[in-house]
Amino acid sequence: PKPVRAGGPPIHLGAWSKFVPKRVAEYCDGWMPVDAGIDLASGIEAVKAEAAQRGRSADSFDFSVLTAYELARTGGLEARIQELLKLGFNRILFMAPVAQPDKQWPVLERYAALIRKFL
């Protein structure tokens, strides 16, 4: 079937390397790294700079990030979410453990309680 959105579905690159900003600016609608010790602020700025060189508005990009309680630094996940929002991410995605539902459910409930703080 034809995509509902003109031009097709949005394309997001979920990676990080020195080549990512150029690739995102060339053919993507967004960037979705994992919050795992990379310099996310520099990554966003690099994507925006590459976009500007191609005449694309930085506002046209969706900056999403994948994180989890296990990846949160000092201050916990709530503080990290605040930091990620300040960096310019407009969507925060949470990793759930690969496990049986009885092990996943408490993690999902914990995320749900956290999300309610930002609504």
PDB file of N, CA and C in Angstrom:
ATOM      1  N   PRO A   1       0.831  -1.213   0.000  1.00  0.00           N
ATOM      2  CA  PRO A   1       0.000   0.000   0.000  1.00  0.00           C
ATOM      3  C   PRO A   1       0.859   1.252   0.000  1.00  0.00           C
ATOM      4  N   LYS A   2       0.277   2.308  -0.518  1.00  0.00           N
ATOM      5  CA  LYS A   2       0.978   3.590  -0.538  1.00  0.00           C
ATOM      6  C   LYS A   2       1.025   4.162   0.879  1.00  0.00           C
ATOM      7  N   PRO A   3       2.137   4.845   1.230  1.00  0.00           N
ATOM      8  CA  PRO A   3       2.211   5.481   2.544  1.00  0.00           C
ATOM      9  C   PRO A   3       1.155   6.579   2.684  1.00  0.00           C
ATOM     10  N   VAL A   4       0.629   6.726   3.883  1.00  0.00           N
ATOM     11  CA  VAL A   4      -0.351   7.773   4.155  1.00  0.00           C
ATOM     12  C   VAL A   4       0.321   9.139   4.092  1.00  0.00           C
ATOM     13  N   ARG A   5       1.559   9.221   4.578  1.00  0.00           N
ATOM     14  CA  ARG A   5       2.297  10.482   4.605  1.00  0.00           C
ATOM     15  C   ARG A   5       2.959  10.713   3.246  1.00  0.00           C
ATOM     16  N   ALA A   6       2.795  11.908   2.716  1.00  0.00           N
ATOM     17  CA  ALA A   6       3.452  12.257   1.459  1.00  0.00           C
ATOM     18  C   ALA A   6       4.953  12.061   1.615  1.00  0.00           C
ATOM     19  N   GLY A   7       5.574  11.401   0.670  1.00  0.00           N
ATOM     20  CA  GLY A   7       7.009  11.152   0.764  1.00  0.00           C
ATOM     21  C   GLY A   7       7.354   9.892   1.536  1.00  0.00           C
ATOM     22  N   GLY A   8       6.371   9.238   2.117  1.00  0.00           N
ATOM     23  CA  GLY A   8       6.618   7.997   2.841  1.00  0.00           C
ATOM     24  C   GLY A   8       6.739   8.190   4.333  1.00  0.00           C
ATOM     25  N   PRO A   9       6.993   7.109   5.043  1.00  0.00           N
ATOM     26  CA  PRO A   9       7.126   7.192   6.507  1.00  0.00           C
ATOM     27  C   PRO A   9       8.420   7.901   6.893  1.00  0.00           C
ATOM     28  N   PRO A  10       8.457   8.514   8.074  1.00  0.00           N
ATOM     29  CA  PRO A  10       9.687   9.179   8.512  1.00  0.00           C
ATOM     30  C   PRO A  10      10.810   8.161   8.732  1.00  0.00           C
ATOM     31  N   ILE A  11      12.011   8.563   8.395  1.00  0.00           N
ATOM     32  CA  ILE A  11      13.192   7.726   8.563  1.00  0.00           C
ATOM     33  C   ILE A  11      14.043   8.311   9.691  1.00  0.00           C
ATOM     34  N   HIS A  12      14.352   7.489  10.688  1.00  0.00           N
ATOM     35  CA  HIS A  12      15.186   7.898  11.816  1.00  0.00           C
ATOM     36  C   HIS A  12      16.398   6.985  11.856  1.00  0.00           C
ATOM     37  N   LEU A  13      17.563   7.575  12.012  1.00  0.00           N
ATOM     38  CA  LEU A  13      18.784   6.791  12.111  1.00  0.00           C
ATOM     39  C   LEU A  13      19.113   6.592  13.579  1.00  0.00           C
ATOM     40  N   GLY A  14      19.218   5.348  13.980  1.00  0.00           N
ATOM     41  CA  GLY A  14      19.522   5.011  15.370  1.00  0.00           C
ATOM     42  C   GLY A  14      20.943   4.502  15.491  1.00  0.00           C
ATOM     43  N   ALA A  15      21.904   5.394  15.424  1.00  0.00           N
ATOM     44  CA  ALA A  15      23.311   5.005  15.463  1.00  0.00           C
ATOM     45  C   ALA A  15      24.149   6.189  15.918  1.00  0.00           C
ATOM     46  N   TRP A  16      25.444   5.927  16.132  1.00  0.00           N
ATOM     47  CA  TRP A  16      26.372   7.013  16.389  1.00  0.00           C
ATOM     48  C   TRP A  16      27.744   6.644  15.857  1.00  0.00           C
ATOM     49  N   SER A  17      28.274   7.529  15.057  1.00  0.00           N
ATOM     50  CA  SER A  17      29.653   7.477  14.563  1.00  0.00           C
ATOM     51  C   SER A  17      29.931   8.851  13.966  1.00  0.00           C
ATOM     52  N   LYS A  18      31.124   9.055  13.491  1.00  0.00           N
ATOM     53  CA  LYS A  18      31.451  10.353  12.896  1.00  0.00           C
ATOM     54  C   LYS A  18      30.673  10.595  11.611  1.00  0.00           C
ATOM     55  N   PHE A  19      30.113   9.547  11.024  1.00  0.00           N
ATOM     56  CA  PHE A  19      29.363   9.654   9.772  1.00  0.00           C
ATOM     57  C   PHE A  19      27.874   9.952   9.980  1.00  0.00           C
ATOM     58  N   VAL A  20      27.376   9.755  11.173  1.00  0.00           N
ATOM     59  CA  VAL A  20      25.937   9.863  11.430  1.00  0.00           C
ATOM     60  C   VAL A  20      25.365  11.247  11.142  1.00  0.00           C
ATOM     61  N   PRO A  21      25.962  12.355  11.619  1.00  0.00           N
ATOM     62  CA  PRO A  21      25.341  13.657  11.343  1.00  0.00           C
ATOM     63  C   PRO A  21      25.110  13.918   9.854  1.00  0.00           C
ATOM     64  N   LYS A  22      26.090  13.573   9.038  1.00  0.00           N
ATOM     65  CA  LYS A  22      25.950  13.782   7.600  1.00  0.00           C
ATOM     66  C   LYS A  22      24.829  12.916   7.035  1.00  0.00           C
ATOM     67  N   ARG A  23      24.762  11.669   7.450  1.00  0.00           N
ATOM     68  CA  ARG A  23      23.728  10.765   6.944  1.00  0.00           C
ATOM     69  C   ARG A  23      22.335  11.198   7.385  1.00  0.00           C
ATOM     70  N   VAL A  24      22.212  11.626   8.639  1.00  0.00           N
ATOM     71  CA  VAL A  24      20.914  12.101   9.124  1.00  0.00           C
ATOM     72  C   VAL A  24      20.474  13.304   8.311  1.00  0.00           C
ATOM     73  N   ALA A  25      21.381  14.260   8.105  1.00  0.00           N
ATOM     74  CA  ALA A  25      21.046  15.473   7.352  1.00  0.00           C
ATOM     75  C   ALA A  25      20.738  15.170   5.891  1.00  0.00           C
ATOM     76  N   GLU A  26      21.387  14.170   5.339  1.00  0.00           N
ATOM     77  CA  GLU A  26      21.179  13.825   3.930  1.00  0.00           C
ATOM     78  C   GLU A  26      19.832  13.183   3.659  1.00  0.00           C
ATOM     79  N   TYR A  27      19.459  12.194   4.456  1.00  0.00           N
ATOM     80  CA  TYR A  27      18.273  11.431   4.069  1.00  0.00           C
ATOM     81  C   TYR A  27      17.351  11.002   5.207  1.00  0.00           C
ATOM     82  N   CYS A  28      17.507  11.579   6.372  1.00  0.00           N
ATOM     83  CA  CYS A  28      16.647  11.172   7.486  1.00  0.00           C
ATOM     84  C   CYS A  28      15.738  12.309   7.953  1.00  0.00           C
ATOM     85  N   ASP A  29      14.762  11.901   8.734  1.00  0.00           N
ATOM     86  CA  ASP A  29      13.848  12.854   9.366  1.00  0.00           C
ATOM     87  C   ASP A  29      14.143  13.007  10.851  1.00  0.00           C
ATOM     88  N   GLY A  30      15.030  12.155  11.363  1.00  0.00           N
ATOM     89  CA  GLY A  30      15.348  12.227  12.775  1.00  0.00           C
ATOM     90  C   GLY A  30      16.545  11.380  13.142  1.00  0.00           C
ATOM     91  N   TRP A  31      16.993  11.596  14.368  1.00  0.00           N
ATOM     92  CA  TRP A  31      18.119  10.852  14.926  1.00  0.00           C
ATOM     93  C   TRP A  31      17.673  10.240  16.236  1.00  0.00           C
ATOM     94  N   MET A  32      18.036   8.977  16.480  1.00  0.00           N
ATOM     95  CA  MET A  32      17.611   8.256  17.676  1.00  0.00           C
ATOM     96  C   MET A  32      18.778   7.455  18.255  1.00  0.00           C
ATOM     97  N   PRO A  33      19.677   8.109  18.994  1.00  0.00           N
ATOM     98  CA  PRO A  33      20.785   7.385  19.605  1.00  0.00           C
ATOM     99  C   PRO A  33      20.358   6.710  20.916  1.00  0.00           C
ATOM    100  N   VAL A  34      21.232   5.860  21.406  1.00  0.00           N
ATOM    101  CA  VAL A  34      21.067   5.280  22.739  1.00  0.00           C
ATOM    102  C   VAL A  34      21.877   6.142  23.697  1.00  0.00           C
ATOM    103  N   ASP A  35      21.294   6.451  24.836  1.00  0.00           N
ATOM    104  CA  ASP A  35      21.942   7.267  25.863  1.00  0.00           C
ATOM    105  C   ASP A  35      22.954   6.393  26.605  1.00  0.00           C
ATOM    106  N   ALA A  36      24.086   6.164  25.962  1.00  0.00           N
ATOM    107  CA  ALA A  36      25.056   5.219  26.523  1.00  0.00           C
ATOM    108  C   ALA A  36      26.470   5.774  26.490  1.00  0.00           C
ATOM    109  N   GLY A  37      26.640   6.969  27.006  1.00  0.00           N
ATOM    110  CA  GLY A  37      27.977   7.506  27.167  1.00  0.00           C
ATOM    111  C   GLY A  37      28.538   8.316  26.014  1.00  0.00           C
ATOM    112  N   ILE A  38      27.766   8.514  24.951  1.00  0.00           N
ATOM    113  CA  ILE A  38      28.259   9.364  23.874  1.00  0.00           C
ATOM    114  C   ILE A  38      27.900  10.820  24.164  1.00  0.00           C
ATOM    115  N   ASP A  39      28.554  11.730  23.501  1.00  0.00           N
ATOM    116  CA  ASP A  39      28.290  13.157  23.690  1.00  0.00           C
ATOM    117  C   ASP A  39      27.068  13.537  22.856  1.00  0.00           C
ATOM    118  N   LEU A  40      25.902  13.428  23.451  1.00  0.00           N
ATOM    119  CA  LEU A  40      24.652  13.669  22.737  1.00  0.00           C
ATOM    120  C   LEU A  40      24.498  15.129  22.329  1.00  0.00           C
ATOM    121  N   ALA A  41      24.960  16.050  23.163  1.00  0.00           N
ATOM    122  CA  ALA A  41      24.859  17.480  22.827  1.00  0.00           C
ATOM    123  C   ALA A  41      25.631  17.776  21.549  1.00  0.00           C
ATOM    124  N   SER A  42      26.839  17.260  21.444  1.00  0.00           N
ATOM    125  CA  SER A  42      27.638  17.468  20.229  1.00  0.00           C
ATOM    126  C   SER A  42      26.990  16.789  19.032  1.00  0.00           C
ATOM    127  N   GLY A  43      26.374  15.639  19.275  1.00  0.00           N
ATOM    128  CA  GLY A  43      25.686  14.934  18.193  1.00  0.00           C
ATOM    129  C   GLY A  43      24.548  15.747  17.620  1.00  0.00           C
ATOM    130  N   ILE A  44      23.731  16.327  18.480  1.00  0.00           N
ATOM    131  CA  ILE A  44      22.613  17.163  18.015  1.00  0.00           C
ATOM    132  C   ILE A  44      23.154  18.365  17.253  1.00  0.00           C
ATOM    133  N   GLU A  45      24.164  19.014  17.803  1.00  0.00           N
ATOM    134  CA  GLU A  45      24.737  20.190  17.135  1.00  0.00           C
ATOM    135  C   GLU A  45      25.334  19.822  15.786  1.00  0.00           C
ATOM    136  N   ALA A  46      25.964  18.658  15.697  1.00  0.00           N
ATOM    137  CA  ALA A  46      26.551  18.225  14.424  1.00  0.00           C
ATOM    138  C   ALA A  46      25.465  17.952  13.390  1.00  0.00           C
ATOM    139  N   VAL A  47      24.361  17.347  13.810  1.00  0.00           N
ATOM    140  CA  VAL A  47      23.247  17.109  12.881  1.00  0.00           C
ATOM    141  C   VAL A  47      22.691  18.444  12.396  1.00  0.00           C
ATOM    142  N   LYS A  48      22.508  19.383  13.308  1.00  0.00           N
ATOM    143  CA  LYS A  48      21.984  20.698  12.928  1.00  0.00           C
ATOM    144  C   LYS A  48      22.927  21.421  11.970  1.00  0.00           C
ATOM    145  N   ALA A  49      24.232  21.338  12.218  1.00  0.00           N
ATOM    146  CA  ALA A  49      25.213  21.990  11.339  1.00  0.00           C
ATOM    147  C   ALA A  49      25.192  21.359   9.949  1.00  0.00           C
ATOM    148  N   GLU A  50      25.138  20.047   9.883  1.00  0.00           N
ATOM    149  CA  GLU A  50      25.072  19.361   8.585  1.00  0.00           C
ATOM    150  C   GLU A  50      23.779  19.713   7.857  1.00  0.00           C
ATOM    151  N   ALA A  51      22.689  19.815   8.601  1.00  0.00           N
ATOM    152  CA  ALA A  51      21.403  20.172   7.997  1.00  0.00           C
ATOM    153  C   ALA A  51      21.469  21.579   7.406  1.00  0.00           C
ATOM    154  N   ALA A  52      22.062  22.502   8.152  1.00  0.00           N
ATOM    155  CA  ALA A  52      22.180  23.881   7.675  1.00  0.00           C
ATOM    156  C   ALA A  52      22.982  23.944   6.374  1.00  0.00           C
ATOM    157  N   GLN A  53      24.022  23.124   6.269  1.00  0.00           N
ATOM    158  CA  GLN A  53      24.827  23.100   5.041  1.00  0.00           C
ATOM    159  C   GLN A  53      24.014  22.608   3.841  1.00  0.00           C
ATOM    160  N   ARG A  54      22.953  21.872   4.107  1.00  0.00           N
ATOM    161  CA  ARG A  54      22.107  21.343   3.036  1.00  0.00           C
ATOM    162  C   ARG A  54      20.821  22.150   2.868  1.00  0.00           C
ATOM    163  N   GLY A  55      20.714  23.257   3.601  1.00  0.00           N
ATOM    164  CA  GLY A  55      19.528  24.101   3.497  1.00  0.00           C
ATOM    165  C   GLY A  55      18.311  23.526   4.190  1.00  0.00           C
ATOM    166  N   ARG A  56      18.530  22.603   5.113  1.00  0.00           N
ATOM    167  CA  ARG A  56      17.416  22.014   5.857  1.00  0.00           C
ATOM    168  C   ARG A  56      17.307  22.669   7.224  1.00  0.00           C
ATOM    169  N   SER A  57      16.092  22.898   7.653  1.00  0.00           N
ATOM    170  CA  SER A  57      15.854  23.491   8.963  1.00  0.00           C
ATOM    171  C   SER A  57      16.047  22.441  10.057  1.00  0.00           C
ATOM    172  N   ALA A  58      16.744  22.825  11.121  1.00  0.00           N
ATOM    173  CA  ALA A  58      16.928  21.920  12.259  1.00  0.00           C
ATOM    174  C   ALA A  58      15.593  21.576  12.898  1.00  0.00           C
ATOM    175  N   ASP A  59      14.600  22.462  12.749  1.00  0.00           N
ATOM    176  CA  ASP A  59      13.271  22.226  13.309  1.00  0.00           C
ATOM    177  C   ASP A  59      12.546  21.076  12.624  1.00  0.00           C
ATOM    178  N   SER A  60      13.021  20.691  11.446  1.00  0.00           N
ATOM    179  CA  SER A  60      12.349  19.615  10.725  1.00  0.00           C
ATOM    180  C   SER A  60      12.764  18.231  11.214  1.00  0.00           C
ATOM    181  N   PHE A  61      13.737  18.168  12.123  1.00  0.00           N
ATOM    182  CA  PHE A  61      14.236  16.884  12.612  1.00  0.00           C
ATOM    183  C   PHE A  61      13.586  16.493  13.934  1.00  0.00           C
ATOM    184  N   ASP A  62      13.368  15.207  14.077  1.00  0.00           N
ATOM    185  CA  ASP A  62      12.871  14.631  15.321  1.00  0.00           C
ATOM    186  C   ASP A  62      14.080  14.059  16.059  1.00  0.00           C
ATOM    187  N   PHE A  63      14.361  14.604  17.219  1.00  0.00           N
ATOM    188  CA  PHE A  63      15.466  14.106  18.024  1.00  0.00           C
ATOM    189  C   PHE A  63      14.904  13.264  19.163  1.00  0.00           C
ATOM    190  N   SER A  64      15.043  11.954  19.023  1.00  0.00           N
ATOM    191  CA  SER A  64      14.586  10.997  20.023  1.00  0.00           C
ATOM    192  C   SER A  64      15.803  10.326  20.636  1.00  0.00           C
ATOM    193  N   VAL A  65      15.659   9.818  21.844  1.00  0.00           N
ATOM    194  CA  VAL A  65      16.764   9.121  22.502  1.00  0.00           C
ATOM    195  C   VAL A  65      16.202   7.937  23.282  1.00  0.00           C
ATOM    196  N   LEU A  66      16.955   6.859  23.285  1.00  0.00           N
ATOM    197  CA  LEU A  66      16.576   5.637  23.985  1.00  0.00           C
ATOM    198  C   LEU A  66      17.392   5.550  25.262  1.00  0.00           C
ATOM    199  N   THR A  67      16.714   5.414  26.396  1.00  0.00           N
ATOM    200  CA  THR A  67      17.400   5.346  27.679  1.00  0.00           C
ATOM    201  C   THR A  67      16.715   4.319  28.581  1.00  0.00           C
ATOM    202  N   ALA A  68      17.269   4.152  29.764  1.00  0.00           N
ATOM    203  CA  ALA A  68      16.721   3.193  30.729  1.00  0.00           C
ATOM    204  C   ALA A  68      17.256   3.548  32.110  1.00  0.00           C
ATOM    205  N   TYR A  69      16.635   2.969  33.135  1.00  0.00           N
ATOM    206  CA  TYR A  69      17.115   3.201  34.494  1.00  0.00           C
ATOM    207  C   TYR A  69      18.583   2.809  34.620  1.00  0.00           C
ATOM    208  N   GLU A  70      18.953   1.721  33.952  1.00  0.00           N
ATOM    209  CA  GLU A  70      20.319   1.221  34.052  1.00  0.00           C
ATOM    210  C   GLU A  70      21.338   2.168  33.414  1.00  0.00           C
ATOM    211  N   LEU A  71      20.886   3.038  32.519  1.00  0.00           N
ATOM    212  CA  LEU A  71      21.792   3.959  31.831  1.00  0.00           C
ATOM    213  C   LEU A  71      21.885   5.319  32.503  1.00  0.00           C
ATOM    214  N   ALA A  72      20.992   5.586  33.443  1.00  0.00           N
ATOM    215  CA  ALA A  72      20.962   6.895  34.099  1.00  0.00           C
ATOM    216  C   ALA A  72      22.230   7.113  34.920  1.00  0.00           C
ATOM    217  N   ARG A  73      22.712   8.314  34.836  1.00  0.00           N
ATOM    218  CA  ARG A  73      23.914   8.670  35.582  1.00  0.00           C
ATOM    219  C   ARG A  73      23.523   9.180  36.966  1.00  0.00           C
ATOM    220  N   THR A  74      24.423   9.838  37.618  1.00  0.00           N
ATOM    221  CA  THR A  74      24.171  10.405  38.942  1.00  0.00           C
ATOM    222  C   THR A  74      22.897  11.246  38.914  1.00  0.00           C
ATOM    223  N   GLY A  75      22.042  11.046  39.875  1.00  0.00           N
ATOM    224  CA  GLY A  75      20.808  11.813  39.958  1.00  0.00           C
ATOM    225  C   GLY A  75      19.587  11.022  39.529  1.00  0.00           C
ATOM    226  N   GLY A  76      19.793   9.900  38.895  1.00  0.00           N
ATOM    227  CA  GLY A  76      18.678   9.045  38.515  1.00  0.00           C
ATOM    228  C   GLY A  76      18.069   9.397  37.173  1.00  0.00           C
ATOM    229  N   LEU A  77      17.101   8.596  36.781  1.00  0.00           N
ATOM    230  CA  LEU A  77      16.506   8.738  35.455  1.00  0.00           C
ATOM    231  C   LEU A  77      15.678  10.007  35.318  1.00  0.00           C
ATOM    232  N   GLU A  78      14.999  10.429  36.359  1.00  0.00           N
ATOM    233  CA  GLU A  78      14.209  11.663  36.258  1.00  0.00           C
ATOM    234  C   GLU A  78      15.116  12.851  35.939  1.00  0.00           C
ATOM    235  N   ALA A  79      16.233  12.954  36.618  1.00  0.00           N
ATOM    236  CA  ALA A  79      17.186  14.039  36.346  1.00  0.00           C
ATOM    237  C   ALA A  79      17.758  13.908  34.942  1.00  0.00           C
ATOM    238  N   ARG A  80      18.023  12.683  34.520  1.00  0.00           N
ATOM    239  CA  ARG A  80      18.574  12.489  33.180  1.00  0.00           C
ATOM    240  C   ARG A  80      17.572  12.900  32.110  1.00  0.00           C
ATOM    241  N   ILE A  81      16.312  12.611  32.321  1.00  0.00           N
ATOM    242  CA  ILE A  81      15.285  13.021  31.361  1.00  0.00           C
ATOM    243  C   ILE A  81      15.276  14.542  31.228  1.00  0.00           C
ATOM    244  N   GLN A  82      15.357  15.239  32.343  1.00  0.00           N
ATOM    245  CA  GLN A  82      15.413  16.708  32.309  1.00  0.00           C
ATOM    246  C   GLN A  82      16.603  17.176  31.472  1.00  0.00           C
ATOM    247  N   GLU A  83      17.761  16.534  31.658  1.00  0.00           N
ATOM    248  CA  GLU A  83      18.948  16.894  30.892  1.00  0.00           C
ATOM    249  C   GLU A  83      18.736  16.644  29.400  1.00  0.00           C
ATOM    250  N   LEU A  84      18.166  15.493  29.070  1.00  0.00           N
ATOM    251  CA  LEU A  84      17.946  15.142  27.664  1.00  0.00           C
ATOM    252  C   LEU A  84      16.986  16.120  26.994  1.00  0.00           C
ATOM    253  N   LEU A  85      15.959  16.543  27.709  1.00  0.00           N
ATOM    254  CA  LEU A  85      15.022  17.527  27.165  1.00  0.00           C
ATOM    255  C   LEU A  85      15.727  18.859  26.925  1.00  0.00           C
ATOM    256  N   LYS A  86      16.586  19.266  27.847  1.00  0.00           N
ATOM    257  CA  LYS A  86      17.341  20.518  27.677  1.00  0.00           C
ATOM    258  C   LYS A  86      18.302  20.453  26.503  1.00  0.00           C
ATOM    259  N   LEU A  87      18.827  19.267  26.224  1.00  0.00           N
ATOM    260  CA  LEU A  87      19.734  19.104  25.083  1.00  0.00           C
ATOM    261  C   LEU A  87      19.010  19.274  23.752  1.00  0.00           C
ATOM    262  N   GLY A  88      17.693  19.071  23.770  1.00  0.00           N
ATOM    263  CA  GLY A  88      16.926  19.234  22.544  1.00  0.00           C
ATOM    264  C   GLY A  88      16.199  17.999  22.068  1.00  0.00           C
ATOM    265  N   PHE A  89      16.229  16.939  22.851  1.00  0.00           N
ATOM    266  CA  PHE A  89      15.464  15.756  22.477  1.00  0.00           C
ATOM    267  C   PHE A  89      13.986  16.014  22.753  1.00  0.00           C
ATOM    268  N   ASN A  90      13.157  15.674  21.780  1.00  0.00           N
ATOM    269  CA  ASN A  90      11.724  15.899  21.959  1.00  0.00           C
ATOM    270  C   ASN A  90      10.977  14.603  22.249  1.00  0.00           C
ATOM    271  N   ARG A  91      11.679  13.486  22.236  1.00  0.00           N
ATOM    272  CA  ARG A  91      11.048  12.203  22.547  1.00  0.00           C
ATOM    273  C   ARG A  91      12.056  11.355  23.319  1.00  0.00           C
ATOM    274  N   ILE A  92      11.609  10.821  24.452  1.00  0.00           N
ATOM    275  CA  ILE A  92      12.427   9.933  25.269  1.00  0.00           C
ATOM    276  C   ILE A  92      11.772   8.551  25.212  1.00  0.00           C
ATOM    277  N   LEU A  93      12.538   7.572  24.780  1.00  0.00           N
ATOM    278  CA  LEU A  93      12.055   6.196  24.688  1.00  0.00           C
ATOM    279  C   LEU A  93      12.732   5.381  25.781  1.00  0.00           C
ATOM    280  N   PHE A  94      11.999   4.435  26.355  1.00  0.00           N
ATOM    281  CA  PHE A  94      12.537   3.635  27.445  1.00  0.00           C
ATOM    282  C   PHE A  94      12.715   2.185  27.033  1.00  0.00           C
ATOM    283  N   MET A  95      13.837   1.617  27.428  1.00  0.00           N
ATOM    284  CA  MET A  95      14.098   0.207  27.155  1.00  0.00           C
ATOM    285  C   MET A  95      13.453  -0.642  28.240  1.00  0.00           C
ATOM    286  N   ALA A  96      12.781  -1.686  27.795  1.00  0.00           N
ATOM    287  CA  ALA A  96      12.221  -2.661  28.721  1.00  0.00           C
ATOM    288  C   ALA A  96      13.087  -3.914  28.658  1.00  0.00           C
ATOM    289  N   PRO A  97      13.220  -4.608  29.762  1.00  0.00           N
ATOM    290  CA  PRO A  97      14.058  -5.797  29.750  1.00  0.00           C
ATOM    291  C   PRO A  97      13.442  -6.906  28.893  1.00  0.00           C
ATOM    292  N   VAL A  98      14.326  -7.688  28.295  1.00  0.00           N
ATOM    293  CA  VAL A  98      13.866  -8.877  27.579  1.00  0.00           C
ATOM    294  C   VAL A  98      13.670  -9.939  28.656  1.00  0.00           C
ATOM    295  N   ALA A  99      12.416 -10.182  28.986  1.00  0.00           N
ATOM    296  CA  ALA A  99      12.111 -11.098  30.085  1.00  0.00           C
ATOM    297  C   ALA A  99      10.651 -11.520  29.991  1.00  0.00           C
ATOM    298  N   GLN A 100      10.277 -12.395  30.879  1.00  0.00           N
ATOM    299  CA  GLN A 100       8.888 -12.819  30.983  1.00  0.00           C
ATOM    300  C   GLN A 100       8.054 -11.635  31.484  1.00  0.00           C
ATOM    301  N   PRO A 101       6.761 -11.613  31.145  1.00  0.00           N
ATOM    302  CA  PRO A 101       5.908 -10.492  31.551  1.00  0.00           C
ATOM    303  C   PRO A 101       5.946 -10.177  33.043  1.00  0.00           C
ATOM    304  N   ASP A 102       6.064 -11.177  33.893  1.00  0.00           N
ATOM    305  CA  ASP A 102       6.089 -10.900  35.333  1.00  0.00           C
ATOM    306  C   ASP A 102       7.346 -10.132  35.746  1.00  0.00           C
ATOM    307  N   LYS A 103       8.392 -10.194  34.938  1.00  0.00           N
ATOM    308  CA  LYS A 103       9.616  -9.422  35.202  1.00  0.00           C
ATOM    309  C   LYS A 103       9.563  -8.055  34.524  1.00  0.00           C
ATOM    310  N   GLN A 104       8.876  -7.968  33.392  1.00  0.00           N
ATOM    311  CA  GLN A 104       8.762  -6.706  32.658  1.00  0.00           C
ATOM    312  C   GLN A 104       7.773  -5.749  33.307  1.00  0.00           C
ATOM    313  N   TRP A 105       6.682  -6.292  33.805  1.00  0.00           N
ATOM    314  CA  TRP A 105       5.593  -5.444  34.309  1.00  0.00           C
ATOM    315  C   TRP A 105       6.049  -4.444  35.370  1.00  0.00           C
ATOM    316  N   PRO A 106       6.815  -4.845  36.381  1.00  0.00           N
ATOM    317  CA  PRO A 106       7.250  -3.847  37.380  1.00  0.00           C
ATOM    318  C   PRO A 106       8.085  -2.712  36.767  1.00  0.00           C
ATOM    319  N   VAL A 107       8.894  -3.028  35.774  1.00  0.00           N
ATOM    320  CA  VAL A 107       9.694  -1.996  35.113  1.00  0.00           C
ATOM    321  C   VAL A 107       8.775  -1.037  34.364  1.00  0.00           C
ATOM    322  N   LEU A 108       7.788  -1.578  33.661  1.00  0.00           N
ATOM    323  CA  LEU A 108       6.845  -0.730  32.929  1.00  0.00           C
ATOM    324  C   LEU A 108       6.032   0.140  33.885  1.00  0.00           C
ATOM    325  N   GLU A 109       5.646  -0.391  35.014  1.00  0.00           N
ATOM    326  CA  GLU A 109       4.920   0.398  36.016  1.00  0.00           C
ATOM    327  C   GLU A 109       5.804   1.527  36.552  1.00  0.00           C
ATOM    328  N   ARG A 110       7.060   1.247  36.748  1.00  0.00           N
ATOM    329  CA  ARG A 110       7.995   2.267  37.225  1.00  0.00           C
ATOM    330  C   ARG A 110       8.155   3.380  36.182  1.00  0.00           C
ATOM    331  N   TYR A 111       8.265   2.996  34.905  1.00  0.00           N
ATOM    332  CA  TYR A 111       8.321   3.996  33.837  1.00  0.00           C
ATOM    333  C   TYR A 111       7.026   4.808  33.793  1.00  0.00           C
ATOM    334  N   ALA A 112       5.894   4.150  33.940  1.00  0.00           N
ATOM    335  CA  ALA A 112       4.605   4.855  33.890  1.00  0.00           C
ATOM    336  C   ALA A 112       4.520   5.907  34.991  1.00  0.00           C
ATOM    337  N   ALA A 113       4.976   5.574  36.186  1.00  0.00           N
ATOM    338  CA  ALA A 113       4.965   6.541  37.289  1.00  0.00           C
ATOM    339  C   ALA A 113       5.888   7.719  36.981  1.00  0.00           C
ATOM    340  N   LEU A 114       7.017   7.425  36.373  1.00  0.00           N
ATOM    341  CA  LEU A 114       7.956   8.488  36.000  1.00  0.00           C
ATOM    342  C   LEU A 114       7.363   9.390  34.932  1.00  0.00           C
ATOM    343  N   ILE A 115       6.749   8.806  33.941  1.00  0.00           N
ATOM    344  CA  ILE A 115       6.148   9.573  32.832  1.00  0.00           C
ATOM    345  C   ILE A 115       5.088  10.525  33.359  1.00  0.00           C
ATOM    346  N   ARG A 116       4.300  10.077  34.328  1.00  0.00           N
ATOM    347  CA  ARG A 116       3.238  10.930  34.894  1.00  0.00           C
ATOM    348  C   ARG A 116       3.793  12.234  35.474  1.00  0.00           C
ATOM    349  N   LYS A 117       5.046  12.220  35.925  1.00  0.00           N
ATOM    350  CA  LYS A 117       5.662  13.419  36.477  1.00  0.00           C
ATOM    351  C   LYS A 117       5.911  14.479  35.399  1.00  0.00           C
ATOM    352  N   PHE A 118       5.944  14.066  34.149  1.00  0.00           N
ATOM    353  CA  PHE A 118       6.247  14.993  33.049  1.00  0.00           C
ATOM    354  C   PHE A 118       4.995  15.399  32.265  1.00  0.00           C
ATOM    355  N   LEU A 119       3.856  14.894  32.639  1.00  0.00           N
ATOM    356  CA  LEU A 119       2.614  15.252  31.923  1.00  0.00           C
ATOM    357  C   LEU A 119       2.009  16.527  32.443  1.00  0.00           C
TER     358      LEU A 119
END
